[in-house]
PDB file of N, CA and C in Angstrom:
ATOM      1  N   MET A   1     -11.947  -1.105  17.289  1.00  0.00           N
ATOM      2  CA  MET A   1     -11.092  -1.928  16.461  1.00  0.00           C
ATOM      3  C   MET A   1      -9.721  -2.004  17.114  1.00  0.00           C
ATOM      4  N   PHE A   2      -8.660  -2.054  16.328  1.00  0.00           N
ATOM      5  CA  PHE A   2      -7.316  -2.154  16.873  1.00  0.00           C
ATOM      6  C   PHE A   2      -6.735  -0.762  17.087  1.00  0.00           C
ATOM      7  N   GLN A   3      -6.023  -0.615  18.172  1.00  0.00           N
ATOM      8  CA  GLN A   3      -5.313   0.628  18.412  1.00  0.00           C
ATOM      9  C   GLN A   3      -3.827   0.326  18.399  1.00  0.00           C
ATOM     10  N   VAL A   4      -3.106   1.001  17.544  1.00  0.00           N
ATOM     11  CA  VAL A   4      -1.681   0.771  17.391  1.00  0.00           C
ATOM     12  C   VAL A   4      -0.947   1.945  18.022  1.00  0.00           C
ATOM     13  N   GLY A   5      -0.130   1.641  19.007  1.00  0.00           N
ATOM     14  CA  GLY A   5       0.628   2.670  19.685  1.00  0.00           C
ATOM     15  C   GLY A   5       2.057   2.713  19.193  1.00  0.00           C
ATOM     16  N   PRO A   6       2.847   3.614  19.752  1.00  0.00           N
ATOM     17  CA  PRO A   6       4.242   3.749  19.325  1.00  0.00           C
ATOM     18  C   PRO A   6       5.087   2.511  19.617  1.00  0.00           C
ATOM     19  N   LEU A   7       4.789   1.817  20.713  1.00  0.00           N
ATOM     20  CA  LEU A   7       5.555   0.610  21.036  1.00  0.00           C
ATOM     21  C   LEU A   7       5.312  -0.489  20.004  1.00  0.00           C
ATOM     22  N   GLU A   8       4.077  -0.650  19.570  1.00  0.00           N
ATOM     23  CA  GLU A   8       3.771  -1.662  18.559  1.00  0.00           C
ATOM     24  C   GLU A   8       4.436  -1.327  17.233  1.00  0.00           C
ATOM     25  N   LEU A   9       4.415  -0.044  16.859  1.00  0.00           N
ATOM     26  CA  LEU A   9       5.077   0.365  15.616  1.00  0.00           C
ATOM     27  C   LEU A   9       6.575   0.120  15.680  1.00  0.00           C
ATOM     28  N   LEU A  10       7.174   0.370  16.834  1.00  0.00           N
ATOM     29  CA  LEU A  10       8.603   0.125  17.017  1.00  0.00           C
ATOM     30  C   LEU A  10       8.926  -1.359  16.883  1.00  0.00           C
ATOM     31  N   VAL A  11       8.109  -2.209  17.470  1.00  0.00           N
ATOM     32  CA  VAL A  11       8.329  -3.657  17.387  1.00  0.00           C
ATOM     33  C   VAL A  11       8.200  -4.135  15.940  1.00  0.00           C
ATOM     34  N   VAL A  12       7.187  -3.657  15.235  1.00  0.00           N
ATOM     35  CA  VAL A  12       7.014  -4.048  13.833  1.00  0.00           C
ATOM     36  C   VAL A  12       8.190  -3.560  12.994  1.00  0.00           C
ATOM     37  N   GLY A  13       8.651  -2.348  13.260  1.00  0.00           N
ATOM     38  CA  GLY A  13       9.799  -1.813  12.523  1.00  0.00           C
ATOM     39  C   GLY A  13      11.065  -2.614  12.761  1.00  0.00           C
ATOM     40  N   ILE A  14      11.303  -3.015  13.998  1.00  0.00           N
ATOM     41  CA  ILE A  14      12.496  -3.819  14.311  1.00  0.00           C
ATOM     42  C   ILE A  14      12.417  -5.187  13.652  1.00  0.00           C
ATOM     43  N   ILE A  15      11.255  -5.800  13.693  1.00  0.00           N
ATOM     44  CA  ILE A  15      11.086  -7.113  13.049  1.00  0.00           C
ATOM     45  C   ILE A  15      11.287  -6.995  11.543  1.00  0.00           C
ATOM     46  N   ALA A  16      10.732  -5.956  10.935  1.00  0.00           N
ATOM     47  CA  ALA A  16      10.908  -5.757   9.492  1.00  0.00           C
ATOM     48  C   ALA A  16      12.371  -5.531   9.159  1.00  0.00           C
ATOM     49  N   LEU A  17      13.078  -4.792   9.988  1.00  0.00           N
ATOM     50  CA  LEU A  17      14.502  -4.554   9.761  1.00  0.00           C
ATOM     51  C   LEU A  17      15.297  -5.853   9.852  1.00  0.00           C
ATOM     52  N   LEU A  18      14.954  -6.703  10.802  1.00  0.00           N
ATOM     53  CA  LEU A  18      15.662  -7.977  10.947  1.00  0.00           C
ATOM     54  C   LEU A  18      15.364  -8.927   9.788  1.00  0.00           C
ATOM     55  N   VAL A  19      14.117  -8.946   9.340  1.00  0.00           N
ATOM     56  CA  VAL A  19      13.734  -9.877   8.273  1.00  0.00           C
ATOM     57  C   VAL A  19      14.247  -9.406   6.917  1.00  0.00           C
ATOM     58  N   LEU A  20      14.049  -8.127   6.602  1.00  0.00           N
ATOM     59  CA  LEU A  20      14.393  -7.625   5.272  1.00  0.00           C
ATOM     60  C   LEU A  20      15.824  -7.122   5.170  1.00  0.00           C
ATOM     61  N   GLY A  21      16.333  -6.581   6.240  1.00  0.00           N
ATOM     62  CA  GLY A  21      17.665  -6.001   6.188  1.00  0.00           C
ATOM     63  C   GLY A  21      17.592  -4.541   5.796  1.00  0.00           C
ATOM     64  N   PRO A  22      18.647  -3.798   6.101  1.00  0.00           N
ATOM     65  CA  PRO A  22      18.611  -2.351   5.851  1.00  0.00           C
ATOM     66  C   PRO A  22      18.600  -1.965   4.376  1.00  0.00           C
ATOM     67  N   SER A  23      19.066  -2.824   3.497  1.00  0.00           N
ATOM     68  CA  SER A  23      19.108  -2.455   2.078  1.00  0.00           C
ATOM     69  C   SER A  23      17.754  -2.623   1.390  1.00  0.00           C
ATOM     70  N   ARG A  24      16.955  -3.591   1.824  1.00  0.00           N
ATOM     71  CA  ARG A  24      15.676  -3.856   1.173  1.00  0.00           C
ATOM     72  C   ARG A  24      14.492  -3.203   1.874  1.00  0.00           C
ATOM     73  N   LEU A  25      14.702  -2.668   3.067  1.00  0.00           N
ATOM     74  CA  LEU A  25      13.601  -2.077   3.823  1.00  0.00           C
ATOM     75  C   LEU A  25      12.970  -0.870   3.115  1.00  0.00           C
ATOM     76  N   PRO A  26      13.723   0.073   2.540  1.00  0.00           N
ATOM     77  CA  PRO A  26      13.078   1.195   1.834  1.00  0.00           C
ATOM     78  C   PRO A  26      12.240   0.754   0.639  1.00  0.00           C
ATOM     79  N   ASP A  27      12.700  -0.253  -0.100  1.00  0.00           N
ATOM     80  CA  ASP A  27      11.926  -0.748  -1.241  1.00  0.00           C
ATOM     81  C   ASP A  27      10.618  -1.382  -0.779  1.00  0.00           C
ATOM     82  N   ALA A  28      10.677  -2.130   0.320  1.00  0.00           N
ATOM     83  CA  ALA A  28       9.466  -2.756   0.841  1.00  0.00           C
ATOM     84  C   ALA A  28       8.477  -1.702   1.330  1.00  0.00           C
ATOM     85  N   ALA A  29       8.968  -0.670   2.012  1.00  0.00           N
ATOM     86  CA  ALA A  29       8.090   0.397   2.490  1.00  0.00           C
ATOM     87  C   ALA A  29       7.468   1.145   1.319  1.00  0.00           C
ATOM     88  N   ARG A  30       8.237   1.352   0.268  1.00  0.00           N
ATOM     89  CA  ARG A  30       7.719   2.038  -0.920  1.00  0.00           C
ATOM     90  C   ARG A  30       6.623   1.196  -1.576  1.00  0.00           C
ATOM     91  N   ALA A  31       6.814  -0.109  -1.643  1.00  0.00           N
ATOM     92  CA  ALA A  31       5.820  -0.988  -2.250  1.00  0.00           C
ATOM     93  C   ALA A  31       4.538  -1.018  -1.426  1.00  0.00           C
ATOM     94  N   VAL A  32       4.675  -1.033  -0.100  1.00  0.00           N
ATOM     95  CA  VAL A  32       3.489  -1.017   0.760  1.00  0.00           C
ATOM     96  C   VAL A  32       2.736   0.303   0.591  1.00  0.00           C
ATOM     97  N   GLY A  33       3.459   1.405   0.534  1.00  0.00           N
ATOM     98  CA  GLY A  33       2.824   2.703   0.339  1.00  0.00           C
ATOM     99  C   GLY A  33       2.093   2.800  -0.984  1.00  0.00           C
ATOM    100  N   LYS A  34       2.702   2.272  -2.027  1.00  0.00           N
ATOM    101  CA  LYS A  34       2.063   2.300  -3.346  1.00  0.00           C
ATOM    102  C   LYS A  34       0.800   1.441  -3.346  1.00  0.00           C
ATOM    103  N   GLY A  35       0.869   0.287  -2.715  1.00  0.00           N
ATOM    104  CA  GLY A  35      -0.309  -0.573  -2.635  1.00  0.00           C
ATOM    105  C   GLY A  35      -1.443   0.064  -1.860  1.00  0.00           C
ATOM    106  N   MET A  36      -1.106   0.720  -0.749  1.00  0.00           N
ATOM    107  CA  MET A  36      -2.134   1.404   0.035  1.00  0.00           C
ATOM    108  C   MET A  36      -2.753   2.554  -0.751  1.00  0.00           C
ATOM    109  N   ARG A  37      -1.934   3.285  -1.505  1.00  0.00           N
ATOM    110  CA  ARG A  37      -2.440   4.399  -2.311  1.00  0.00           C
ATOM    111  C   ARG A  37      -3.390   3.884  -3.392  1.00  0.00           C
ATOM    112  N   GLU A  38      -3.039   2.794  -4.050  1.00  0.00           N
ATOM    113  CA  GLU A  38      -3.912   2.227  -5.081  1.00  0.00           C
ATOM    114  C   GLU A  38      -5.202   1.696  -4.484  1.00  0.00           C
ATOM    115  N   PHE A  39      -5.108   1.088  -3.311  1.00  0.00           N
ATOM    116  CA  PHE A  39      -6.290   0.555  -2.641  1.00  0.00           C
ATOM    117  C   PHE A  39      -7.249   1.683  -2.270  1.00  0.00           C
ATOM    118  N   ARG A  40      -6.710   2.767  -1.713  1.00  0.00           N
ATOM    119  CA  ARG A  40      -7.550   3.906  -1.342  1.00  0.00           C
ATOM    120  C   ARG A  40      -8.198   4.543  -2.558  1.00  0.00           C
ATOM    121  N   SER A  41      -7.450   4.661  -3.637  1.00  0.00           N
ATOM    122  CA  SER A  41      -8.033   5.263  -4.833  1.00  0.00           C
ATOM    123  C   SER A  41      -9.127   4.367  -5.409  1.00  0.00           C
ATOM    124  N   ALA A  42      -8.961   3.060  -5.282  1.00  0.00           N
ATOM    125  CA  ALA A  42     -10.002   2.149  -5.754  1.00  0.00           C
ATOM    126  C   ALA A  42     -11.246   2.247  -4.878  1.00  0.00           C
ATOM    127  N   LEU A  43     -11.062   2.466  -3.583  1.00  0.00           N
ATOM    128  CA  LEU A  43     -12.212   2.626  -2.703  1.00  0.00           C
ATOM    129  C   LEU A  43     -12.924   3.944  -2.948  1.00  0.00           C
ATOM    130  N   ASP A  44     -12.174   4.991  -3.222  1.00  0.00           N
ATOM    131  CA  ASP A  44     -12.773   6.307  -3.452  1.00  0.00           C
ATOM    132  C   ASP A  44     -13.514   6.372  -4.779  1.00  0.00           C
ATOM    133  N   ASP A  45     -13.060   5.628  -5.772  1.00  0.00           N
ATOM    134  CA  ASP A  45     -13.647   5.668  -7.104  1.00  0.00           C
ATOM    135  C   ASP A  45     -13.920   4.244  -7.583  1.00  0.00           C
ATOM    136  N   PRO A  46     -14.986   3.608  -7.069  1.00  0.00           N
ATOM    137  CA  PRO A  46     -15.218   2.199  -7.421  1.00  0.00           C
ATOM    138  C   PRO A  46     -15.571   1.983  -8.895  1.00  0.00           C
ATOM    139  N   ASP A  47     -16.093   3.007  -9.599  1.00  0.00           N
ATOM    140  CA  ASP A  47     -16.463   2.848 -11.002  1.00  0.00           C
ATOM    141  C   ASP A  47     -15.385   3.363 -11.942  1.00  0.00           C
ATOM    142  N   GLY A  48     -14.207   3.652 -11.429  1.00  0.00           N
ATOM    143  CA  GLY A  48     -13.135   4.226 -12.236  1.00  0.00           C
ATOM    144  C   GLY A  48     -12.724   3.332 -13.387  1.00  0.00           C
ATOM    145  N   ASP A  49     -12.640   2.032 -13.155  1.00  0.00           N
ATOM    146  CA  ASP A  49     -12.237   1.121 -14.217  1.00  0.00           C
ATOM    147  C   ASP A  49     -13.294   1.052 -15.314  1.00  0.00           C
ATOM    148  N   GLU A  50     -14.555   1.045 -14.914  1.00  0.00           N
ATOM    149  CA  GLU A  50     -15.618   0.956 -15.908  1.00  0.00           C
ATOM    150  C   GLU A  50     -15.650   2.204 -16.779  1.00  0.00           C
ATOM    151  N   ARG A  51     -15.481   3.380 -16.156  1.00  0.00           N
ATOM    152  CA  ARG A  51     -15.466   4.611 -16.939  1.00  0.00           C
ATOM    153  C   ARG A  51     -14.235   4.683 -17.817  1.00  0.00           C
ATOM    154  N   ARG A  52     -13.107   4.226 -17.316  1.00  0.00           N
ATOM    155  CA  ARG A  52     -11.867   4.284 -18.081  1.00  0.00           C
ATOM    156  C   ARG A  52     -11.972   3.385 -19.310  1.00  0.00           C
ATOM    157  N   HIS A  53     -12.578   2.204 -19.160  1.00  0.00           N
ATOM    158  CA  HIS A  53     -12.707   1.298 -20.285  1.00  0.00           C
ATOM    159  C   HIS A  53     -13.799   1.742 -21.249  1.00  0.00           C
ATOM    160  N   ALA A  54     -14.771   2.483 -20.776  1.00  0.00           N
ATOM    161  CA  ALA A  54     -15.841   2.964 -21.637  1.00  0.00           C
ATOM    162  C   ALA A  54     -15.314   4.042 -22.602  1.00  0.00           C
ATOM    163  N   ASP A  55     -14.287   4.787 -22.174  1.00  0.00           N
ATOM    164  CA  ASP A  55     -13.727   5.845 -23.017  1.00  0.00           C
ATOM    165  C   ASP A  55     -12.833   5.284 -24.118  1.00  0.00           C
ATOM    166  N   GLU A  56     -12.327   4.074 -23.946  1.00  0.00           N
ATOM    167  CA  GLU A  56     -11.409   3.492 -24.928  1.00  0.00           C
ATOM    168  C   GLU A  56     -12.206   2.965 -26.132  1.00  0.00           C
ATOM    169  N   PRO A  57     -11.701   3.185 -27.323  1.00  0.00           N
ATOM    170  CA  PRO A  57     -12.398   2.651 -28.498  1.00  0.00           C
ATOM    171  C   PRO A  57     -12.233   1.134 -28.585  1.00  0.00           C
ATOM    172  N   GLU A  58     -13.279   0.490 -29.065  1.00  0.00           N
ATOM    173  CA  GLU A  58     -13.213  -0.960 -29.225  1.00  0.00           C
ATOM    174  C   GLU A  58     -12.448  -1.300 -30.495  1.00  0.00           C
ATOM    175  N   THR A  59     -11.697  -2.373 -30.434  1.00  0.00           N
ATOM    176  CA  THR A  59     -10.928  -2.783 -31.626  1.00  0.00           C
ATOM    177  C   THR A  59     -11.479  -4.025 -32.227  1.00  0.00           C
TER     178      THR A  59
END
C-alpha cells in the first residue's frame, strides 16, 4: 500500500499550517483524531449500535 515517510509528513504539516494557520491547526488535529478514534471503535465493534439501541426502552 502507501508508505508515508518523515518527509511526506513534514510536507503535509507545512501545507496544513499554511492553509489553516497556527490558531486553527490544533482544533483541526483534534477533530481528525476524534474522527479516527470513532472510526476505529466502529470497526472494532460493528454491532455496538444495535446492542445499544436494543437496551433502550421503546416509547
